[in-house]
Amino acid sequence: MPTTAAATPSGFTHRQLRAPLIWGVVFGVLQAASPLAFFWLDPATVYALGLTLIAAVYVGFAVADGRRHVLVVETVVASVFVVAAACAELGSAWLIVAGLAGHGCKDLWQHRTGFVAGTRWWPPFCVTVDWVAAALIAVTLTAQLLPT
């Protein structure tokens, strides 16, 4: 069986993952560049807002899923990312990198387990967005282009 036909644990084939991963890279780059669109705001503020919006998407998926325990878990997880974003706004921008990387890990877990029903293409897309943005922001911070 060719590599493109191999199934992943979530039931996707590698070929079906191609589009979410490509679009994830595109949106990850846009996420990293998002402070340019909101030039009047501090970049840490823009990234903090983005992290909270990204985390909140799963609350919507949990509502659509309809199971109470899924809604509780996803709300708690989203709350952790909101707190991380708030701390990053007041402290180090590296917390945004950690938050995005951590959210990517959460997305990977979601992709592997299917904890929230009906999200087939979203976790691979979102893990790619999160990790690409985290990597680009880390490079920017390392290059001292953003305040740490």
Protein backbone atom coordinates (compact mmCIF):
# COMPACT_ATOMS: atom_id res chain seq x y z
CA MET A 1 0.00 0.00 0.00
CA PRO A 2 1.53 3.41 -0.93
CA THR A 3 2.30 5.94 1.78
CA THR A 4 -0.46 8.27 0.58
CA ALA A 5 -3.07 5.60 1.20
CA ALA A 6 -1.95 4.71 4.74
CA ALA A 7 -4.58 5.48 7.32
CA THR A 8 -3.85 7.60 10.37
CA PRO A 9 -5.34 6.76 13.80
CA SER A 10 -8.14 9.28 13.19
CA GLY A 11 -9.20 7.51 9.98
CA PHE A 12 -7.63 10.04 7.59
CA THR A 13 -5.26 8.96 4.87
CA HIS A 14 -2.04 10.88 4.42
CA ARG A 15 -3.43 12.22 1.15
CA GLN A 16 -6.52 13.60 2.94
CA LEU A 17 -4.25 15.38 5.43
CA ARG A 18 -2.37 17.26 2.73
CA ALA A 19 -4.86 20.15 2.34
CA PRO A 20 -5.34 20.81 6.09
CA LEU A 21 -1.55 20.78 6.58
CA ILE A 22 -0.87 23.12 3.65
CA TRP A 23 -3.57 25.54 4.81
CA GLY A 24 -2.21 25.21 8.35
CA VAL A 25 1.18 26.47 7.19
CA VAL A 26 -0.47 29.39 5.38
CA PHE A 27 -2.51 30.37 8.43
CA GLY A 28 0.45 29.80 10.77
CA VAL A 29 2.46 32.34 8.79
CA LEU A 30 -0.51 34.74 8.85
CA GLN A 31 -0.86 34.22 12.62
CA ALA A 32 2.82 35.03 13.12
CA ALA A 33 2.46 38.13 10.95
CA SER A 34 -0.84 39.24 12.52
CA PRO A 35 0.66 42.14 14.53
CA LEU A 36 1.37 43.84 11.22
CA ALA A 37 -2.38 44.12 10.62
CA PHE A 38 -2.90 45.65 14.09
CA PHE A 39 0.13 47.94 14.09
CA TRP A 40 -1.37 50.22 16.75
CA LEU A 41 -1.37 47.37 19.29
CA ASP A 42 1.58 45.82 21.04
CA PRO A 43 2.51 42.54 19.27
CA ALA A 44 2.18 40.61 22.55
CA THR A 45 -1.42 41.83 22.81
CA VAL A 46 -2.23 40.66 19.29
CA TYR A 47 -0.66 37.26 19.91
CA ALA A 48 -2.46 36.94 23.26
CA LEU A 49 -5.80 37.67 21.60
CA GLY A 50 -5.01 35.15 18.88
CA LEU A 51 -4.17 32.45 21.41
CA THR A 52 -7.47 32.95 23.23
CA LEU A 53 -9.43 32.81 19.98
CA ILE A 54 -7.66 29.66 18.87
CA ALA A 55 -8.35 27.97 22.22
CA ALA A 56 -12.00 29.03 22.22
CA VAL A 57 -12.73 27.24 18.94
CA TYR A 58 -12.77 23.90 20.74
CA VAL A 59 -15.45 25.17 23.13
CA GLY A 60 -17.64 25.66 20.07
CA PHE A 61 -16.79 22.17 18.86
CA ALA A 62 -17.61 20.82 22.33
CA VAL A 63 -21.02 22.52 22.25
CA ALA A 64 -21.65 20.93 18.84
CA ASP A 65 -20.48 17.57 20.21
CA GLY A 66 -23.16 17.79 22.91
CA ARG A 67 -21.56 15.63 25.58
CA ARG A 68 -21.33 17.37 28.96
CA HIS A 69 -17.91 15.95 29.92
CA VAL A 70 -16.44 17.11 26.60
CA LEU A 71 -17.79 20.62 27.16
CA VAL A 72 -16.34 20.72 30.69
CA VAL A 73 -12.90 19.49 29.60
CA GLU A 74 -12.70 21.83 26.61
CA THR A 75 -13.83 24.83 28.69
CA VAL A 76 -11.17 24.11 31.31
CA VAL A 77 -8.49 23.66 28.65
CA ALA A 78 -9.52 26.89 26.88
CA SER A 79 -9.42 28.69 30.24
CA VAL A 80 -5.83 27.56 30.78
CA PHE A 81 -4.86 29.09 27.44
CA VAL A 82 -6.70 32.33 28.30
CA VAL A 83 -4.71 32.55 31.55
CA ALA A 84 -1.46 31.83 29.65
CA ALA A 85 -2.30 34.59 27.18
CA ALA A 86 -3.04 37.05 29.99
CA CYS A 87 0.23 36.18 31.70
CA ALA A 88 2.10 36.65 28.42
CA GLU A 89 0.56 40.09 28.04
CA LEU A 90 1.93 41.07 31.44
CA GLY A 91 5.14 39.05 31.34
CA SER A 92 7.25 37.31 28.75
CA ALA A 93 6.25 36.92 25.10
CA TRP A 94 7.81 33.46 25.36
CA LEU A 95 4.57 32.43 27.09
CA ILE A 96 2.80 32.92 23.75
CA VAL A 97 5.30 30.56 22.12
CA ALA A 98 4.73 28.05 24.92
CA GLY A 99 0.96 28.52 24.67
CA LEU A 100 0.91 27.96 20.92
CA ALA A 101 3.22 24.94 21.19
CA GLY A 102 1.09 23.56 24.03
CA HIS A 103 -2.10 24.11 22.07
CA GLY A 104 -0.51 22.28 19.17
CA CYS A 105 0.15 19.34 21.48
CA LYS A 106 -3.49 19.47 22.56
CA ASP A 107 -4.51 19.46 18.87
CA LEU A 108 -2.30 16.45 18.20
CA TRP A 109 -3.91 14.63 21.14
CA GLN A 110 -7.35 15.57 19.76
CA HIS A 111 -6.38 14.25 16.34
CA ARG A 112 -5.16 10.95 17.82
CA THR A 113 -8.10 10.38 20.18
CA GLY A 114 -11.05 12.07 18.48
CA PHE A 115 -12.13 13.29 21.95
CA VAL A 116 -14.40 15.96 20.45
CA ALA A 117 -16.67 14.49 17.78
CA GLY A 118 -16.96 16.09 14.36
CA THR A 119 -13.55 17.75 14.12
CA ARG A 120 -11.96 15.47 11.49
CA TRP A 121 -9.90 18.00 9.54
CA TRP A 122 -9.56 20.68 12.22
CA PRO A 123 -6.90 19.20 14.56
CA PRO A 124 -4.29 18.56 11.82
CA PHE A 125 -4.93 22.05 10.46
CA CYS A 126 -4.75 23.68 13.88
CA VAL A 127 -1.65 21.82 15.10
CA THR A 128 0.12 23.04 11.97
CA VAL A 129 -1.07 26.63 12.51
CA ASP A 130 0.02 26.53 16.15
CA TRP A 131 3.45 25.04 15.59
CA VAL A 132 4.30 27.16 12.55
CA ALA A 133 3.26 30.34 14.38
CA ALA A 134 5.13 29.28 17.54
CA ALA A 135 8.29 28.58 15.54
CA LEU A 136 8.14 31.88 13.66
CA ILE A 137 7.44 33.88 16.81
CA ALA A 138 10.31 32.08 18.59
CA VAL A 139 12.65 33.00 15.74
CA THR A 140 11.45 36.60 15.97
CA LEU A 141 11.99 36.68 19.73
CA THR A 142 15.40 35.11 19.40
CA ALA A 143 16.35 37.73 16.82
CA GLN A 144 15.25 40.38 19.36
CA LEU A 145 12.64 41.84 17.01
CA LEU A 146 9.99 41.64 19.73
CA PRO A 147 10.26 42.55 23.39
CA THR A 148 10.65 39.43 25.50
